[in-house]
Amino acid sequence: MATLVQDPFRGFRFHVDIVPKISASFSEVTIPDITIDTVDYREGTDKSPGRRRLSGMATYGNVSLKRGITASLDLYEWHQMIIATGTSGQNARRHGTIILYDTDISKIAAKWSFFGAFPTTYQSSGLNASSAEVMIETLDLVVERMSRDQ
């Protein structure tokens, strides 16, 4: 009996929640990479002339959020708070989820959680009088930890 192969998820129906305060739709979200560093190790009694490779600490890339600029200042104000108080201020570091829905939005297809996030870069697209493009704001978040929950 043949096994049915499940089609991969499509990445165009998603939502981001950042606790506290920010629940928004974005036009683009970058899910960070997770890398495990390696450590070379050798003991004096090892018979092999080579080194052993051991797993080290995990490092996480940045979450990048892009959305059309609106009257909402929540992302900008969070970035400004980090400039003013650093990461020691109340609600400076936040956690959140990135939720990917199936194609008919009836159920959650995948979900990622990130923890200890704070913004490092706020950027907006340029102005151009000869263009009718939507202005985009981008916020890059550093995360301490991330997991795929579903």
N, C-alpha and C. Protein backbone atom coordinates (compact mmCIF):
# COMPACT_ATOMS: atom_id res chain seq x y z
N MET A 1 0.84 -1.18 0.00
CA MET A 1 0.00 0.00 0.00
C MET A 1 0.89 1.25 0.00
N ALA A 2 0.61 2.14 -0.89
CA ALA A 2 1.41 3.36 -1.00
C ALA A 2 1.05 4.34 0.10
N THR A 3 2.06 5.02 0.59
CA THR A 3 1.82 6.05 1.61
C THR A 3 1.58 7.38 0.92
N LEU A 4 0.63 8.11 1.44
CA LEU A 4 0.34 9.43 0.90
C LEU A 4 1.39 10.41 1.38
N VAL A 5 1.88 11.19 0.46
CA VAL A 5 2.87 12.21 0.80
C VAL A 5 2.13 13.50 1.07
N GLN A 6 2.40 14.10 2.22
CA GLN A 6 1.74 15.36 2.56
C GLN A 6 2.43 16.51 1.85
N ASP A 7 1.62 17.37 1.27
CA ASP A 7 2.18 18.55 0.62
C ASP A 7 2.80 19.47 1.66
N PRO A 8 3.90 20.13 1.32
CA PRO A 8 4.49 21.09 2.26
C PRO A 8 3.57 22.29 2.46
N PHE A 9 3.72 22.94 3.60
CA PHE A 9 2.92 24.11 3.91
C PHE A 9 3.34 25.28 3.03
N ARG A 10 2.39 26.12 2.74
CA ARG A 10 2.68 27.34 1.99
C ARG A 10 2.82 28.48 2.98
N GLY A 11 3.78 29.35 2.75
CA GLY A 11 4.13 30.37 3.73
C GLY A 11 3.46 31.71 3.55
N PHE A 12 2.18 31.75 3.19
CA PHE A 12 1.57 33.05 2.96
C PHE A 12 0.42 33.38 3.90
N ARG A 13 0.03 32.48 4.79
CA ARG A 13 -1.01 32.78 5.79
C ARG A 13 -0.39 32.61 7.18
N PHE A 14 -0.06 33.73 7.78
CA PHE A 14 0.61 33.67 9.08
C PHE A 14 0.23 34.88 9.92
N HIS A 15 0.54 34.78 11.19
CA HIS A 15 0.22 35.83 12.15
C HIS A 15 1.32 35.84 13.21
N VAL A 16 1.61 37.01 13.75
CA VAL A 16 2.63 37.15 14.79
C VAL A 16 2.01 37.77 16.02
N ASP A 17 2.24 37.16 17.18
CA ASP A 17 1.84 37.73 18.47
C ASP A 17 3.09 37.99 19.28
N ILE A 18 3.21 39.21 19.81
CA ILE A 18 4.32 39.55 20.70
C ILE A 18 3.69 40.02 22.00
N VAL A 19 4.10 39.39 23.10
CA VAL A 19 3.50 39.68 24.41
C VAL A 19 4.46 40.53 25.21
N PRO A 20 4.02 41.64 25.80
CA PRO A 20 2.68 42.21 25.76
C PRO A 20 2.51 43.17 24.60
N LYS A 21 1.28 43.42 24.24
CA LYS A 21 0.82 44.56 23.46
C LYS A 21 0.79 44.41 21.95
N ILE A 22 1.64 43.66 21.30
CA ILE A 22 1.69 43.71 19.85
C ILE A 22 1.09 42.43 19.26
N SER A 23 0.03 42.59 18.53
CA SER A 23 -0.57 41.50 17.76
C SER A 23 -0.84 42.07 16.39
N ALA A 24 -0.11 41.62 15.40
CA ALA A 24 -0.19 42.28 14.10
C ALA A 24 0.00 41.30 12.97
N SER A 25 -0.44 41.72 11.82
CA SER A 25 -0.17 40.98 10.60
C SER A 25 1.02 41.63 9.92
N PHE A 26 1.85 40.80 9.37
CA PHE A 26 3.05 41.28 8.70
C PHE A 26 3.06 40.74 7.28
N SER A 27 3.72 41.45 6.39
CA SER A 27 3.81 40.99 5.01
C SER A 27 4.93 39.98 4.85
N GLU A 28 5.90 40.01 5.77
CA GLU A 28 7.03 39.08 5.68
C GLU A 28 7.62 38.88 7.08
N VAL A 29 7.93 37.64 7.39
CA VAL A 29 8.57 37.29 8.66
C VAL A 29 9.71 36.33 8.36
N THR A 30 10.87 36.60 8.91
CA THR A 30 11.98 35.68 8.79
C THR A 30 12.10 34.89 10.07
N ILE A 31 11.99 33.57 9.96
CA ILE A 31 12.16 32.69 11.11
C ILE A 31 13.66 32.46 11.27
N PRO A 32 14.19 32.69 12.46
CA PRO A 32 15.65 32.63 12.62
C PRO A 32 16.21 31.22 12.49
N ASP A 33 17.44 31.17 12.05
CA ASP A 33 18.15 29.90 12.01
C ASP A 33 18.63 29.54 13.42
N ILE A 34 18.81 28.27 13.67
CA ILE A 34 19.35 27.79 14.94
C ILE A 34 20.62 27.02 14.62
N THR A 35 21.74 27.44 15.20
CA THR A 35 23.03 26.83 14.92
C THR A 35 23.64 26.32 16.22
N ILE A 36 24.18 25.13 16.16
CA ILE A 36 24.90 24.58 17.32
C ILE A 36 26.39 24.72 17.04
N ASP A 37 27.08 25.46 17.89
CA ASP A 37 28.52 25.62 17.76
C ASP A 37 29.19 24.29 18.09
N THR A 38 30.39 24.11 17.57
CA THR A 38 31.15 22.91 17.90
C THR A 38 32.40 23.31 18.67
N VAL A 39 32.84 22.40 19.50
CA VAL A 39 34.02 22.61 20.31
C VAL A 39 35.01 21.49 20.00
N ASP A 40 36.24 21.86 19.66
CA ASP A 40 37.29 20.86 19.46
C ASP A 40 37.89 20.53 20.82
N TYR A 41 38.09 19.23 21.07
CA TYR A 41 38.56 18.81 22.38
C TYR A 41 39.52 17.65 22.22
N ARG A 42 40.56 17.65 23.00
CA ARG A 42 41.53 16.55 23.00
C ARG A 42 42.09 16.41 24.39
N GLU A 43 42.11 15.18 24.87
CA GLU A 43 42.75 14.88 26.16
C GLU A 43 44.17 14.41 25.92
N GLY A 44 45.01 14.58 26.89
CA GLY A 44 46.41 14.16 26.77
C GLY A 44 46.59 12.67 26.60
N THR A 45 45.63 11.89 27.02
CA THR A 45 45.76 10.43 26.91
C THR A 45 45.12 9.86 25.65
N ASP A 46 44.55 10.73 24.80
CA ASP A 46 43.94 10.25 23.56
C ASP A 46 45.00 9.62 22.67
N LYS A 47 44.68 8.43 22.14
CA LYS A 47 45.63 7.74 21.26
C LYS A 47 45.59 8.30 19.84
N SER A 48 44.45 8.83 19.46
CA SER A 48 44.31 9.38 18.13
C SER A 48 44.96 10.77 18.08
N PRO A 49 45.65 11.09 16.99
CA PRO A 49 46.27 12.42 16.90
C PRO A 49 45.26 13.54 16.62
N GLY A 50 44.04 13.16 16.28
CA GLY A 50 43.02 14.17 15.97
C GLY A 50 42.27 14.64 17.21
N ARG A 51 41.44 15.62 16.99
CA ARG A 51 40.61 16.15 18.07
C ARG A 51 39.21 15.59 17.95
N ARG A 52 38.52 15.54 19.08
CA ARG A 52 37.11 15.17 19.09
C ARG A 52 36.29 16.43 18.87
N ARG A 53 35.14 16.28 18.23
CA ARG A 53 34.23 17.40 18.03
C ARG A 53 33.04 17.19 18.96
N LEU A 54 32.81 18.17 19.81
CA LEU A 54 31.70 18.12 20.76
C LEU A 54 30.71 19.22 20.42
N SER A 55 29.46 19.00 20.82
CA SER A 55 28.47 20.05 20.60
C SER A 55 28.67 21.15 21.63
N GLY A 56 28.48 22.37 21.18
CA GLY A 56 28.65 23.53 22.05
C GLY A 56 27.31 24.22 22.28
N MET A 57 27.37 25.51 22.39
CA MET A 57 26.18 26.30 22.67
C MET A 57 25.37 26.53 21.39
N ALA A 58 24.06 26.65 21.56
CA ALA A 58 23.17 26.98 20.44
C ALA A 58 23.11 28.49 20.28
N THR A 59 23.09 28.94 19.06
CA THR A 59 22.92 30.36 18.77
C THR A 59 21.72 30.52 17.84
N TYR A 60 21.04 31.64 17.98
CA TYR A 60 19.82 31.89 17.23
C TYR A 60 19.97 33.15 16.40
N GLY A 61 19.50 33.09 15.17
CA GLY A 61 19.50 34.26 14.30
C GLY A 61 18.42 35.24 14.73
N ASN A 62 18.22 36.28 13.94
CA ASN A 62 17.23 37.30 14.26
C ASN A 62 15.88 36.99 13.61
N VAL A 63 14.82 37.42 14.27
CA VAL A 63 13.50 37.44 13.67
C VAL A 63 13.37 38.80 12.97
N SER A 64 12.99 38.78 11.72
CA SER A 64 12.80 40.02 10.98
C SER A 64 11.33 40.15 10.62
N LEU A 65 10.73 41.27 11.00
CA LEU A 65 9.31 41.51 10.77
C LEU A 65 9.15 42.68 9.80
N LYS A 66 8.33 42.50 8.78
CA LYS A 66 8.06 43.58 7.81
C LYS A 66 6.57 43.74 7.67
N ARG A 67 6.12 45.00 7.70
CA ARG A 67 4.71 45.29 7.49
C ARG A 67 4.58 46.69 6.89
N GLY A 68 3.41 46.94 6.32
CA GLY A 68 3.11 48.26 5.79
C GLY A 68 2.99 49.26 6.93
N ILE A 69 3.51 50.45 6.73
CA ILE A 69 3.45 51.48 7.76
C ILE A 69 2.01 51.96 7.91
N THR A 70 1.55 51.99 9.16
CA THR A 70 0.20 52.46 9.49
C THR A 70 0.32 53.53 10.57
N ALA A 71 -0.81 53.92 11.14
CA ALA A 71 -0.80 54.89 12.23
C ALA A 71 -0.26 54.28 13.53
N SER A 72 -0.18 52.97 13.61
CA SER A 72 0.30 52.30 14.81
C SER A 72 1.79 52.57 15.01
N LEU A 73 2.16 52.97 16.22
CA LEU A 73 3.56 53.23 16.56
C LEU A 73 4.14 52.17 17.48
N ASP A 74 3.46 51.05 17.68
CA ASP A 74 3.89 50.08 18.67
C ASP A 74 5.29 49.53 18.43
N LEU A 75 5.65 49.19 17.21
CA LEU A 75 7.00 48.68 16.93
C LEU A 75 8.06 49.77 17.14
N TYR A 76 7.78 50.96 16.63
CA TYR A 76 8.72 52.08 16.78
C TYR A 76 8.92 52.43 18.25
N GLU A 77 7.83 52.49 19.02
CA GLU A 77 7.94 52.84 20.44
C GLU A 77 8.71 51.78 21.23
N TRP A 78 8.56 50.52 20.87
CA TRP A 78 9.34 49.46 21.53
C TRP A 78 10.83 49.67 21.25
N HIS A 79 11.17 49.98 20.00
CA HIS A 79 12.56 50.24 19.64
C HIS A 79 13.10 51.46 20.39
N GLN A 80 12.30 52.52 20.48
CA GLN A 80 12.72 53.72 21.20
C GLN A 80 12.92 53.45 22.69
N MET A 81 12.08 52.58 23.26
CA MET A 81 12.23 52.22 24.67
C MET A 81 13.58 51.54 24.91
N ILE A 82 14.00 50.68 23.98
CA ILE A 82 15.30 50.01 24.12
C ILE A 82 16.43 51.03 24.04
N ILE A 83 16.28 52.02 23.17
CA ILE A 83 17.30 53.08 23.07
C ILE A 83 17.39 53.83 24.40
N ALA A 84 16.24 54.14 24.99
CA ALA A 84 16.21 54.96 26.20
C ALA A 84 16.61 54.20 27.46
N THR A 85 16.16 52.95 27.60
CA THR A 85 16.37 52.24 28.87
C THR A 85 17.22 50.98 28.74
N GLY A 86 17.57 50.60 27.53
CA GLY A 86 18.29 49.34 27.34
C GLY A 86 17.34 48.17 27.58
N THR A 87 17.89 47.00 27.74
CA THR A 87 17.06 45.82 27.92
C THR A 87 16.66 45.60 29.37
N SER A 88 17.02 46.54 30.25
CA SER A 88 16.66 46.38 31.66
C SER A 88 15.29 46.98 31.98
N GLY A 89 14.71 47.72 31.05
CA GLY A 89 13.41 48.34 31.28
C GLY A 89 12.28 47.31 31.32
N GLN A 90 11.17 47.70 31.92
CA GLN A 90 10.01 46.82 32.00
C GLN A 90 9.46 46.57 30.59
N ASN A 91 9.17 45.32 30.29
CA ASN A 91 8.67 44.88 28.98
C ASN A 91 9.66 45.12 27.86
N ALA A 92 10.95 45.27 28.18
CA ALA A 92 11.94 45.45 27.13
C ALA A 92 12.12 44.15 26.34
N ARG A 93 12.32 43.06 27.07
CA ARG A 93 12.43 41.74 26.44
C ARG A 93 11.06 41.09 26.42
N ARG A 94 10.67 40.59 25.29
CA ARG A 94 9.34 40.03 25.13
C ARG A 94 9.42 38.64 24.50
N HIS A 95 8.35 37.92 24.61
CA HIS A 95 8.26 36.64 23.93
C HIS A 95 7.09 36.69 22.94
N GLY A 96 7.09 35.77 22.02
CA GLY A 96 6.04 35.80 21.02
C GLY A 96 5.94 34.50 20.26
N THR A 97 4.98 34.47 19.36
CA THR A 97 4.76 33.30 18.52
C THR A 97 4.56 33.73 17.08
N ILE A 98 5.01 32.87 16.19
CA ILE A 98 4.77 33.01 14.76
C ILE A 98 3.89 31.82 14.39
N ILE A 99 2.70 32.10 13.91
CA ILE A 99 1.73 31.04 13.63
C ILE A 99 1.50 30.97 12.12
N LEU A 100 1.70 29.78 11.57
CA LEU A 100 1.44 29.53 10.16
C LEU A 100 0.15 28.73 10.05
N TYR A 101 -0.79 29.21 9.25
CA TYR A 101 -2.07 28.53 9.07
C TYR A 101 -2.05 27.70 7.79
N ASP A 102 -2.94 26.68 7.77
CA ASP A 102 -3.07 25.92 6.52
C ASP A 102 -3.74 26.81 5.48
N THR A 103 -3.87 26.31 4.26
CA THR A 103 -4.31 27.17 3.16
C THR A 103 -5.72 27.72 3.31
N ASP A 104 -6.60 27.03 4.04
CA ASP A 104 -7.95 27.58 4.20
C ASP A 104 -8.17 28.19 5.59
N ILE A 105 -7.11 28.44 6.33
CA ILE A 105 -7.10 29.09 7.64
C ILE A 105 -8.00 28.36 8.66
N SER A 106 -8.20 27.08 8.49
CA SER A 106 -9.06 26.35 9.42
C SER A 106 -8.28 25.81 10.62
N LYS A 107 -6.98 25.66 10.49
CA LYS A 107 -6.19 25.16 11.61
C LYS A 107 -4.76 25.65 11.51
N ILE A 108 -4.06 25.53 12.64
CA ILE A 108 -2.65 25.93 12.70
C ILE A 108 -1.82 24.82 12.07
N ALA A 109 -1.00 25.19 11.11
CA ALA A 109 -0.13 24.21 10.44
C ALA A 109 1.21 24.08 11.16
N ALA A 110 1.75 25.19 11.63
CA ALA A 110 3.04 25.19 12.34
C ALA A 110 3.07 26.40 13.26
N LYS A 111 3.87 26.28 14.31
CA LYS A 111 3.96 27.39 15.27
C LYS A 111 5.36 27.42 15.85
N TRP A 112 5.95 28.61 15.88
CA TRP A 112 7.26 28.83 16.47
C TRP A 112 7.11 29.83 17.62
N SER A 113 7.83 29.59 18.70
CA SER A 113 7.84 30.52 19.84
C SER A 113 9.25 31.07 20.00
N PHE A 114 9.33 32.36 20.31
CA PHE A 114 10.64 32.96 20.60
C PHE A 114 10.56 33.66 21.94
N PHE A 115 11.72 33.74 22.62
CA PHE A 115 11.78 34.22 23.99
C PHE A 115 12.92 35.22 24.15
N GLY A 116 12.73 36.17 25.07
CA GLY A 116 13.77 37.15 25.37
C GLY A 116 14.11 38.05 24.20
N ALA A 117 13.13 38.40 23.40
CA ALA A 117 13.38 39.19 22.18
C ALA A 117 13.37 40.68 22.48
N PHE A 118 14.22 41.39 21.77
CA PHE A 118 14.18 42.85 21.79
C PHE A 118 14.65 43.38 20.44
N PRO A 119 14.16 44.55 20.03
CA PRO A 119 14.51 45.08 18.70
C PRO A 119 15.90 45.68 18.67
N THR A 120 16.60 45.42 17.57
CA THR A 120 17.92 46.01 17.38
C THR A 120 17.93 46.98 16.20
N THR A 121 17.08 46.76 15.23
CA THR A 121 17.05 47.63 14.05
C THR A 121 15.62 47.97 13.70
N TYR A 122 15.35 49.26 13.52
CA TYR A 122 14.07 49.72 12.98
C TYR A 122 14.39 50.44 11.69
N GLN A 123 13.67 50.10 10.63
CA GLN A 123 13.95 50.70 9.33
C GLN A 123 12.64 50.91 8.60
N SER A 124 12.55 52.01 7.85
CA SER A 124 11.38 52.21 7.00
C SER A 124 11.86 52.45 5.57
N SER A 125 10.99 52.09 4.63
CA SER A 125 11.36 52.27 3.22
C SER A 125 11.40 53.76 2.89
N GLY A 126 12.06 54.07 1.81
CA GLY A 126 12.22 55.47 1.40
C GLY A 126 10.97 56.04 0.76
N LEU A 127 10.97 57.33 0.63
CA LEU A 127 9.88 58.05 -0.01
C LEU A 127 10.24 58.31 -1.47
N ASN A 128 9.24 58.17 -2.35
CA ASN A 128 9.48 58.38 -3.77
C ASN A 128 8.19 58.93 -4.38
N ALA A 129 8.22 60.16 -4.84
CA ALA A 129 7.02 60.81 -5.36
C ALA A 129 6.51 60.17 -6.65
N SER A 130 7.34 59.43 -7.35
CA SER A 130 6.91 58.82 -8.61
C SER A 130 6.48 57.37 -8.43
N SER A 131 6.32 56.92 -7.18
CA SER A 131 5.95 55.53 -6.91
C SER A 131 4.66 55.48 -6.10
N ALA A 132 3.90 54.42 -6.29
CA ALA A 132 2.68 54.22 -5.51
C ALA A 132 2.82 53.00 -4.60
N GLU A 133 4.04 52.58 -4.34
CA GLU A 133 4.28 51.40 -3.51
C GLU A 133 3.95 51.68 -2.04
N VAL A 134 3.56 50.63 -1.35
CA VAL A 134 3.27 50.72 0.08
C VAL A 134 4.59 50.91 0.83
N MET A 135 4.57 51.82 1.80
CA MET A 135 5.76 52.01 2.63
C MET A 135 5.85 50.86 3.62
N ILE A 136 7.04 50.33 3.80
CA ILE A 136 7.27 49.16 4.65
C ILE A 136 8.16 49.55 5.82
N GLU A 137 7.79 49.09 7.02
CA GLU A 137 8.67 49.22 8.17
C GLU A 137 9.19 47.83 8.52
N THR A 138 10.46 47.78 8.90
CA THR A 138 11.12 46.53 9.24
C THR A 138 11.66 46.63 10.65
N LEU A 139 11.46 45.58 11.44
CA LEU A 139 11.99 45.50 12.79
C LEU A 139 12.73 44.18 12.93
N ASP A 140 14.01 44.25 13.28
CA ASP A 140 14.80 43.05 13.53
C ASP A 140 14.85 42.81 15.03
N LEU A 141 14.55 41.58 15.43
CA LEU A 141 14.55 41.20 16.84
C LEU A 141 15.66 40.19 17.12
N VAL A 142 16.42 40.45 18.16
CA VAL A 142 17.36 39.46 18.67
C VAL A 142 16.58 38.56 19.61
N VAL A 143 16.78 37.25 19.52
CA VAL A 143 16.08 36.33 20.41
C VAL A 143 17.08 35.51 21.21
N GLU A 144 16.73 35.24 22.47
CA GLU A 144 17.59 34.41 23.32
C GLU A 144 17.41 32.93 23.01
N ARG A 145 16.17 32.57 22.67
CA ARG A 145 15.85 31.17 22.47
C ARG A 145 14.64 31.07 21.58
N MET A 146 14.54 29.95 20.86
CA MET A 146 13.42 29.75 19.96
C MET A 146 13.11 28.26 19.88
N SER A 147 11.82 27.95 19.66
CA SER A 147 11.44 26.55 19.50
C SER A 147 10.30 26.44 18.50
N ARG A 148 10.23 25.28 17.85
CA ARG A 148 9.06 24.99 17.00
C ARG A 148 8.14 24.12 17.83
N ASP A 149 6.95 24.62 18.11
CA ASP A 149 6.02 23.95 18.99
C ASP A 149 5.07 23.04 18.24
N GLN A 150 4.90 23.25 16.99
CA GLN A 150 3.95 22.44 16.22
C GLN A 150 4.42 22.32 14.80
